Amino acid sequence: MFRLSMDGEVARLTLDRPEARNAIPAAGWAELARLLVEAADARILILSGASGVFCAGADLSDFPALNKDDSARARFREDMRLALDGLRNLAGPTVALIEGPCYGAGVALAMACDIRIAAESASFAITPAKIGISYPQEDVLRLVELVGPGQAARLLFTASSIDGAEAARIGLVELHSIDEGELVAAILANDQDSLIVLKRAIVRAGEGLRSDPEQDARFDALIGGDQMARRLEALRRK
């Protein structure tokens, strides 16, 4: 279902089940969680879908069995949460490159990344109401944080599809129809430890924390570190 490859310091994680439009089976979430552990040391992780499709969502063929098995439903929800939290909690930056359909659980996967880029072909829909189910609370929270409660209600209540330009307008994606190579190069040009501390600061800010002693300590340590001195000297020479 997922394919992990390393390109230097860049981890590339690809949803690779084109025969099912990269729909994620229930067993795929545990696989994703394991691969994220392998990618933990990458400087940046790029998430994309094979064959011009990001993800059609959860594999609905699993749902009849889930309907009849309490423990399987709980395991499905917990495995999905573990994988999405694992993606969200990677120390380094993560970027979702979204081509074609990005629906349901695919939107949750993209929202767990730090930055989302929508190609011209991208389309988005969150469709649990169409089949009479809900959306995990953690993913609703991320949606509301990105687009606000009104737009979240629009997407969830109507289950309607929007294109990449509209997704960018409401804040579901940060960038629309750009070359991701430029973004990745800009990120990789910066100091890895700095990026890790800055990402942690963004996460803490999203949790409503105005200050954090651990962030203060990391702030001080970076200013006192050798890397800053080397980078300042390199800038001076330029």
C-alpha atoms as a PDB file:
ATOM      1  CA  MET A   1       0.000   0.000   0.000  1.00  0.00           C
ATOM      2  CA  PHE A   2       2.785   2.423   0.991  1.00  0.00           C
ATOM      3  CA  ARG A   3       6.225   2.628  -0.581  1.00  0.00           C
ATOM      4  CA  LEU A   4       9.104   4.339   1.242  1.00  0.00           C
ATOM      5  CA  SER A   5      12.271   5.405  -0.551  1.00  0.00           C
ATOM      6  CA  MET A   6      15.207   7.563   0.481  1.00  0.00           C
ATOM      7  CA  ASP A   7      16.671  10.154  -1.875  1.00  0.00           C
ATOM      8  CA  GLY A   8      19.664  11.490   0.041  1.00  0.00           C
ATOM      9  CA  GLU A   9      18.233  13.323   3.028  1.00  0.00           C
ATOM     10  CA  VAL A  10      14.702  13.230   1.607  1.00  0.00           C
ATOM     11  CA  ALA A  11      12.241  10.463   2.483  1.00  0.00           C
ATOM     12  CA  ARG A  12       9.578   9.867  -0.158  1.00  0.00           C
ATOM     13  CA  LEU A  13       6.460   8.056   0.992  1.00  0.00           C
ATOM     14  CA  THR A  14       4.119   7.042  -1.814  1.00  0.00           C
ATOM     15  CA  LEU A  15       0.600   5.659  -1.637  1.00  0.00           C
ATOM     16  CA  ASP A  16       0.948   2.912  -4.217  1.00  0.00           C
ATOM     17  CA  ARG A  17      -2.281   1.050  -4.802  1.00  0.00           C
ATOM     18  CA  PRO A  18      -3.404   2.491  -8.127  1.00  0.00           C
ATOM     19  CA  GLU A  19      -5.899  -0.294  -8.846  1.00  0.00           C
ATOM     20  CA  ALA A  20      -7.965   1.047  -5.927  1.00  0.00           C
ATOM     21  CA  ARG A  21      -7.144   4.750  -6.520  1.00  0.00           C
ATOM     22  CA  ASN A  22      -4.794   4.471  -3.540  1.00  0.00           C
ATOM     23  CA  ALA A  23      -7.634   3.800  -1.106  1.00  0.00           C
ATOM     24  CA  ILE A  24      -6.183   2.752   2.246  1.00  0.00           C
ATOM     25  CA  PRO A  25      -7.254  -0.659   3.597  1.00  0.00           C
ATOM     26  CA  ALA A  26      -7.734  -1.105   7.324  1.00  0.00           C
ATOM     27  CA  ALA A  27      -4.449  -3.017   7.557  1.00  0.00           C
ATOM     28  CA  GLY A  28      -2.605  -0.209   5.776  1.00  0.00           C
ATOM     29  CA  TRP A  29      -2.570   2.108   8.787  1.00  0.00           C
ATOM     30  CA  ALA A  30      -0.314  -0.176  10.827  1.00  0.00           C
ATOM     31  CA  GLU A  31       1.984  -0.480   7.793  1.00  0.00           C
ATOM     32  CA  LEU A  32       2.143   3.321   7.568  1.00  0.00           C
ATOM     33  CA  ALA A  33       3.020   3.649  11.259  1.00  0.00           C
ATOM     34  CA  ARG A  34       5.928   1.209  10.821  1.00  0.00           C
ATOM     35  CA  LEU A  35       7.300   3.027   7.777  1.00  0.00           C
ATOM     36  CA  LEU A  36       7.176   6.365   9.568  1.00  0.00           C
ATOM     37  CA  VAL A  37       9.486   4.942  12.233  1.00  0.00           C
ATOM     38  CA  GLU A  38      11.952   4.050   9.443  1.00  0.00           C
ATOM     39  CA  ALA A  39      11.711   7.593   8.047  1.00  0.00           C
ATOM     40  CA  ALA A  40      12.156   9.322  11.397  1.00  0.00           C
ATOM     41  CA  ASP A  41      15.709  10.518  10.710  1.00  0.00           C
ATOM     42  CA  ALA A  42      15.030  12.044   7.286  1.00  0.00           C
ATOM     43  CA  ARG A  43      15.474  15.796   7.023  1.00  0.00           C
ATOM     44  CA  ILE A  44      12.188  16.110   5.146  1.00  0.00           C
ATOM     45  CA  LEU A  45       9.396  13.697   4.185  1.00  0.00           C
ATOM     46  CA  ILE A  46       7.437  14.066   0.937  1.00  0.00           C
ATOM     47  CA  LEU A  47       4.062  12.305   0.763  1.00  0.00           C
ATOM     48  CA  SER A  48       2.378  11.661  -2.583  1.00  0.00           C
ATOM     49  CA  GLY A  49       0.175   9.220  -4.466  1.00  0.00           C
ATOM     50  CA  ALA A  50       1.021   6.997  -7.430  1.00  0.00           C
ATOM     51  CA  SER A  51      -0.521   7.290 -10.903  1.00  0.00           C
ATOM     52  CA  GLY A  52      -1.796  10.852 -10.557  1.00  0.00           C
ATOM     53  CA  VAL A  53      -4.120  10.092  -7.626  1.00  0.00           C
ATOM     54  CA  PHE A  54      -3.415  11.079  -4.045  1.00  0.00           C
ATOM     55  CA  CYS A  55      -5.932   8.940  -2.134  1.00  0.00           C
ATOM     56  CA  ALA A  56      -9.571   7.962  -2.586  1.00  0.00           C
ATOM     57  CA  GLY A  57      -9.945   7.596   1.194  1.00  0.00           C
ATOM     58  CA  ALA A  58     -10.432   4.522   3.335  1.00  0.00           C
ATOM     59  CA  ASP A  59     -11.129   1.276   1.481  1.00  0.00           C
ATOM     60  CA  LEU A  60     -14.897   0.894   1.807  1.00  0.00           C
ATOM     61  CA  SER A  61     -14.715  -2.837   1.091  1.00  0.00           C
ATOM     62  CA  ASP A  62     -13.480  -3.246   4.700  1.00  0.00           C
ATOM     63  CA  PHE A  63     -16.547  -1.597   6.195  1.00  0.00           C
ATOM     64  CA  PRO A  64     -19.039  -4.505   6.058  1.00  0.00           C
ATOM     65  CA  ALA A  65     -16.696  -6.515   8.308  1.00  0.00           C
ATOM     66  CA  LEU A  66     -16.128  -3.501  10.581  1.00  0.00           C
ATOM     67  CA  ASN A  67     -19.897  -3.096  10.857  1.00  0.00           C
ATOM     68  CA  LYS A  68     -20.169  -6.471  12.591  1.00  0.00           C
ATOM     69  CA  ASP A  69     -17.044  -6.499  14.785  1.00  0.00           C
ATOM     70  CA  ASP A  70     -16.663  -4.160  17.760  1.00  0.00           C
ATOM     71  CA  SER A  71     -13.000  -4.964  18.349  1.00  0.00           C
ATOM     72  CA  ALA A  72     -12.123  -4.543  14.657  1.00  0.00           C
ATOM     73  CA  ARG A  73     -13.744  -1.107  14.630  1.00  0.00           C
ATOM     74  CA  ALA A  74     -11.743  -0.018  17.670  1.00  0.00           C
ATOM     75  CA  ARG A  75      -8.520  -1.419  16.195  1.00  0.00           C
ATOM     76  CA  PHE A  76      -9.188   0.381  12.889  1.00  0.00           C
ATOM     77  CA  ARG A  77      -9.717   3.704  14.665  1.00  0.00           C
ATOM     78  CA  GLU A  78      -6.680   3.248  16.915  1.00  0.00           C
ATOM     79  CA  ASP A  79      -4.381   2.155  14.057  1.00  0.00           C
ATOM     80  CA  MET A  80      -5.471   5.128  11.986  1.00  0.00           C
ATOM     81  CA  ARG A  81      -4.850   7.479  14.888  1.00  0.00           C
ATOM     82  CA  LEU A  82      -1.414   6.001  15.597  1.00  0.00           C
ATOM     83  CA  ALA A  83      -0.369   6.420  11.963  1.00  0.00           C
ATOM     84  CA  LEU A  84      -1.694   9.965  11.568  1.00  0.00           C
ATOM     85  CA  ASP A  85      -0.202  11.071  14.880  1.00  0.00           C
ATOM     86  CA  GLY A  86       3.085   9.441  13.844  1.00  0.00           C
ATOM     87  CA  LEU A  87       3.087  11.506  10.665  1.00  0.00           C
ATOM     88  CA  ARG A  88       2.162  14.673  12.522  1.00  0.00           C
ATOM     89  CA  ASN A  89       4.817  14.082  15.179  1.00  0.00           C
ATOM     90  CA  LEU A  90       7.798  13.496  12.882  1.00  0.00           C
ATOM     91  CA  ALA A  91      10.554  15.826  14.007  1.00  0.00           C
ATOM     92  CA  GLY A  92      11.351  17.176  10.552  1.00  0.00           C
ATOM     93  CA  PRO A  93       9.152  18.986   8.009  1.00  0.00           C
ATOM     94  CA  THR A  94       6.569  17.027   6.029  1.00  0.00           C
ATOM     95  CA  VAL A  95       5.023  18.022   2.704  1.00  0.00           C
ATOM     96  CA  ALA A  96       1.977  16.491   0.990  1.00  0.00           C
ATOM     97  CA  LEU A  97       2.005  16.690  -2.827  1.00  0.00           C
ATOM     98  CA  ILE A  98      -1.608  16.248  -3.895  1.00  0.00           C
ATOM     99  CA  GLU A  99      -2.544  15.255  -7.429  1.00  0.00           C
ATOM    100  CA  GLY A 100      -5.998  14.114  -8.435  1.00  0.00           C
ATOM    101  CA  PRO A 101      -8.608  12.985  -5.900  1.00  0.00           C
ATOM    102  CA  CYS A 102      -7.926  13.493  -2.190  1.00  0.00           C
ATOM    103  CA  TYR A 103     -10.971  12.245  -0.331  1.00  0.00           C
ATOM    104  CA  GLY A 104     -11.994  11.227   3.180  1.00  0.00           C
ATOM    105  CA  ALA A 105      -9.088   9.615   4.993  1.00  0.00           C
ATOM    106  CA  GLY A 106      -6.799  10.988   2.284  1.00  0.00           C
ATOM    107  CA  VAL A 107      -7.637  14.508   3.450  1.00  0.00           C
ATOM    108  CA  ALA A 108      -6.837  13.429   7.023  1.00  0.00           C
ATOM    109  CA  LEU A 109      -3.482  12.112   5.787  1.00  0.00           C
ATOM    110  CA  ALA A 110      -2.687  15.382   4.014  1.00  0.00           C
ATOM    111  CA  MET A 111      -3.778  17.457   7.022  1.00  0.00           C
ATOM    112  CA  ALA A 112      -1.295  15.572   9.222  1.00  0.00           C
ATOM    113  CA  CYS A 113       1.532  17.055   7.114  1.00  0.00           C
ATOM    114  CA  ASP A 114       3.046  20.466   7.770  1.00  0.00           C
ATOM    115  CA  ILE A 115       2.567  21.840   4.254  1.00  0.00           C
ATOM    116  CA  ARG A 116       0.152  20.831   1.494  1.00  0.00           C
ATOM    117  CA  ILE A 117       0.667  21.542  -2.217  1.00  0.00           C
ATOM    118  CA  ALA A 118      -2.284  21.031  -4.570  1.00  0.00           C
ATOM    119  CA  ALA A 119      -1.614  20.359  -8.244  1.00  0.00           C
ATOM    120  CA  GLU A 120      -3.954  21.685 -10.939  1.00  0.00           C
ATOM    121  CA  SER A 121      -5.599  18.252 -11.037  1.00  0.00           C
ATOM    122  CA  ALA A 122      -6.270  18.092  -7.280  1.00  0.00           C
ATOM    123  CA  SER A 123      -9.765  17.806  -5.854  1.00  0.00           C
ATOM    124  CA  PHE A 124     -10.863  17.431  -2.244  1.00  0.00           C
ATOM    125  CA  ALA A 125     -13.916  16.014  -0.501  1.00  0.00           C
ATOM    126  CA  ILE A 126     -14.650  14.779   3.021  1.00  0.00           C
ATOM    127  CA  THR A 127     -17.510  12.353   2.595  1.00  0.00           C
ATOM    128  CA  PRO A 128     -18.330  10.363   5.774  1.00  0.00           C
ATOM    129  CA  ALA A 129     -21.884  11.726   5.853  1.00  0.00           C
ATOM    130  CA  LYS A 130     -22.535  10.115   2.463  1.00  0.00           C
ATOM    131  CA  ILE A 131     -22.218   6.646   3.980  1.00  0.00           C
ATOM    132  CA  GLY A 132     -23.625   7.447   7.426  1.00  0.00           C
ATOM    133  CA  ILE A 133     -20.444   7.623   9.484  1.00  0.00           C
ATOM    134  CA  SER A 134     -18.457  10.371  11.227  1.00  0.00           C
ATOM    135  CA  TYR A 135     -14.885  11.663  11.014  1.00  0.00           C
ATOM    136  CA  PRO A 136     -12.330  11.133  13.816  1.00  0.00           C
ATOM    137  CA  GLN A 137     -12.377  14.008  16.291  1.00  0.00           C
ATOM    138  CA  GLU A 138      -8.631  14.625  15.941  1.00  0.00           C
ATOM    139  CA  ASP A 139      -9.063  15.106  12.195  1.00  0.00           C
ATOM    140  CA  VAL A 140     -12.036  17.425  12.651  1.00  0.00           C
ATOM    141  CA  LEU A 141      -9.847  19.486  14.985  1.00  0.00           C
ATOM    142  CA  ARG A 142      -7.102  19.737  12.346  1.00  0.00           C
ATOM    143  CA  LEU A 143      -9.688  20.684   9.729  1.00  0.00           C
ATOM    144  CA  VAL A 144     -11.142  23.442  11.919  1.00  0.00           C
ATOM    145  CA  GLU A 145      -7.647  24.720  12.704  1.00  0.00           C
ATOM    146  CA  LEU A 146      -6.903  24.994   8.977  1.00  0.00           C
ATOM    147  CA  VAL A 147     -10.137  26.359   7.513  1.00  0.00           C
ATOM    148  CA  GLY A 148     -12.241  27.538  10.474  1.00  0.00           C
ATOM    149  CA  PRO A 149     -15.521  26.104  11.768  1.00  0.00           C
ATOM    150  CA  GLY A 150     -17.709  27.502   8.993  1.00  0.00           C
ATOM    151  CA  GLN A 151     -15.715  26.037   6.120  1.00  0.00           C
ATOM    152  CA  ALA A 152     -15.272  22.799   8.068  1.00  0.00           C
ATOM    153  CA  ALA A 153     -19.046  22.594   8.422  1.00  0.00           C
ATOM    154  CA  ARG A 154     -19.462  23.253   4.705  1.00  0.00           C
ATOM    155  CA  LEU A 155     -17.055  20.459   3.745  1.00  0.00           C
ATOM    156  CA  LEU A 156     -18.391  17.933   6.259  1.00  0.00           C
ATOM    157  CA  PHE A 157     -22.112  18.677   5.944  1.00  0.00           C
ATOM    158  CA  THR A 158     -22.277  18.843   2.137  1.00  0.00           C
ATOM    159  CA  ALA A 159     -19.585  16.220   1.366  1.00  0.00           C
ATOM    160  CA  SER A 160     -19.056  18.256  -1.801  1.00  0.00           C
ATOM    161  CA  SER A 161     -15.853  18.314  -3.838  1.00  0.00           C
ATOM    162  CA  ILE A 162     -13.700  21.427  -4.211  1.00  0.00           C
ATOM    163  CA  ASP A 163     -10.756  22.029  -6.522  1.00  0.00           C
ATOM    164  CA  GLY A 164      -7.214  22.999  -5.604  1.00  0.00           C
ATOM    165  CA  ALA A 165      -7.777  26.724  -6.087  1.00  0.00           C
ATOM    166  CA  GLU A 166     -10.718  26.706  -3.688  1.00  0.00           C
ATOM    167  CA  ALA A 167      -8.761  24.554  -1.235  1.00  0.00           C
ATOM    168  CA  ALA A 168      -6.005  27.176  -1.286  1.00  0.00           C
ATOM    169  CA  ARG A 169      -8.505  30.018  -0.875  1.00  0.00           C
ATOM    170  CA  ILE A 170     -10.011  28.561   2.309  1.00  0.00           C
ATOM    171  CA  GLY A 171      -6.677  27.394   3.756  1.00  0.00           C
ATOM    172  CA  LEU A 172      -6.981  23.626   3.319  1.00  0.00           C
ATOM    173  CA  VAL A 173      -3.743  23.745   1.304  1.00  0.00           C
ATOM    174  CA  GLU A 174      -0.947  26.290   1.509  1.00  0.00           C
ATOM    175  CA  LEU A 175       0.203  26.233  -2.110  1.00  0.00           C
ATOM    176  CA  HIS A 176      -1.512  25.616  -5.436  1.00  0.00           C
ATOM    177  CA  SER A 177       0.110  24.513  -8.674  1.00  0.00           C
ATOM    178  CA  ILE A 178       3.776  25.186  -7.969  1.00  0.00           C
ATOM    179  CA  ASP A 179       6.977  23.197  -8.481  1.00  0.00           C
ATOM    180  CA  GLU A 180       7.566  21.382  -5.219  1.00  0.00           C
ATOM    181  CA  GLY A 181      11.280  21.146  -5.968  1.00  0.00           C
ATOM    182  CA  GLU A 182      11.784  24.810  -5.190  1.00  0.00           C
ATOM    183  CA  LEU A 183      10.033  24.452  -1.837  1.00  0.00           C
ATOM    184  CA  VAL A 184      12.002  21.342  -0.877  1.00  0.00           C
ATOM    185  CA  ALA A 185      15.294  22.974  -1.862  1.00  0.00           C
ATOM    186  CA  ALA A 186      14.474  26.046   0.229  1.00  0.00           C
ATOM    187  CA  ILE A 187      13.736  23.887   3.273  1.00  0.00           C
ATOM    188  CA  LEU A 188      16.848  21.743   2.865  1.00  0.00           C
ATOM    189  CA  ALA A 189      19.035  24.860   2.627  1.00  0.00           C
ATOM    190  CA  ASN A 190      18.287  25.608   6.277  1.00  0.00           C
ATOM    191  CA  ASP A 191      19.696  24.103   9.458  1.00  0.00           C
ATOM    192  CA  GLN A 192      18.113  20.797  10.481  1.00  0.00           C
ATOM    193  CA  ASP A 193      18.166  21.453  14.234  1.00  0.00           C
ATOM    194  CA  SER A 194      16.612  24.868  13.676  1.00  0.00           C
ATOM    195  CA  LEU A 195      13.814  23.333  11.594  1.00  0.00           C
ATOM    196  CA  ILE A 196      13.097  20.752  14.297  1.00  0.00           C
ATOM    197  CA  VAL A 197      12.810  23.431  16.988  1.00  0.00           C
ATOM    198  CA  LEU A 198      10.692  25.680  14.749  1.00  0.00           C
ATOM    199  CA  LYS A 199       8.334  22.811  13.920  1.00  0.00           C
ATOM    200  CA  ARG A 200       7.981  22.031  17.610  1.00  0.00           C
ATOM    201  CA  ALA A 201       7.178  25.706  18.224  1.00  0.00           C
ATOM    202  CA  ILE A 202       4.433  25.647  15.586  1.00  0.00           C
ATOM    203  CA  VAL A 203       2.895  22.543  17.149  1.00  0.00           C
ATOM    204  CA  ARG A 204       2.990  24.094  20.622  1.00  0.00           C
ATOM    205  CA  ALA A 205       1.452  27.307  19.304  1.00  0.00           C
ATOM    206  CA  GLY A 206      -1.328  25.261  17.722  1.00  0.00           C
ATOM    207  CA  GLU A 207      -1.981  23.790  21.159  1.00  0.00           C
ATOM    208  CA  GLY A 208      -2.502  27.305  22.481  1.00  0.00           C
ATOM    209  CA  LEU A 209       0.795  27.585  24.370  1.00  0.00           C
ATOM    210  CA  ARG A 210       2.148  31.122  24.504  1.00  0.00           C
ATOM    211  CA  SER A 211       5.405  30.036  26.143  1.00  0.00           C
ATOM    212  CA  ASP A 212       7.185  26.776  26.860  1.00  0.00           C
ATOM    213  CA  PRO A 213      10.315  26.246  29.011  1.00  0.00           C
ATOM    214  CA  GLU A 214      11.591  23.505  26.711  1.00  0.00           C
ATOM    215  CA  GLN A 215      11.342  25.842  23.722  1.00  0.00           C
ATOM    216  CA  ASP A 216      13.171  28.515  25.705  1.00  0.00           C
ATOM    217  CA  ALA A 217      15.983  26.068  26.425  1.00  0.00           C
ATOM    218  CA  ARG A 218      16.219  25.025  22.767  1.00  0.00           C
ATOM    219  CA  PHE A 219      16.184  28.668  21.665  1.00  0.00           C
ATOM    220  CA  ASP A 220      19.122  29.432  23.942  1.00  0.00           C
ATOM    221  CA  ALA A 221      21.002  26.282  22.917  1.00  0.00           C
ATOM    222  CA  LEU A 222      20.767  27.101  19.207  1.00  0.00           C
ATOM    223  CA  ILE A 223      22.109  30.618  19.734  1.00  0.00           C
ATOM    224  CA  GLY A 224      24.952  29.151  21.774  1.00  0.00           C
ATOM    225  CA  GLY A 225      25.701  26.375  19.284  1.00  0.00           C
ATOM    226  CA  ASP A 226      28.492  25.949  16.764  1.00  0.00           C
ATOM    227  CA  GLN A 227      26.109  25.748  13.799  1.00  0.00           C
ATOM    228  CA  MET A 228      24.979  29.340  14.204  1.00  0.00           C
ATOM    229  CA  ALA A 229      28.570  30.562  14.296  1.00  0.00           C
ATOM    230  CA  ARG A 230      29.407  28.621  11.127  1.00  0.00           C
ATOM    231  CA  ARG A 231      26.342  29.888   9.281  1.00  0.00           C
ATOM    232  CA  LEU A 232      26.962  33.486  10.317  1.00  0.00           C
ATOM    233  CA  GLU A 233      30.516  33.219   9.049  1.00  0.00           C
ATOM    234  CA  ALA A 234      29.279  31.761   5.742  1.00  0.00           C
ATOM    235  CA  LEU A 235      26.823  34.651   5.368  1.00  0.00           C
ATOM    236  CA  ARG A 236      29.585  37.145   6.139  1.00  0.00           C
ATOM    237  CA  ARG A 237      31.774  35.665   3.406  1.00  0.00           C
ATOM    238  CA  LYS A 238      28.954  35.964   0.877  1.00  0.00           C
END
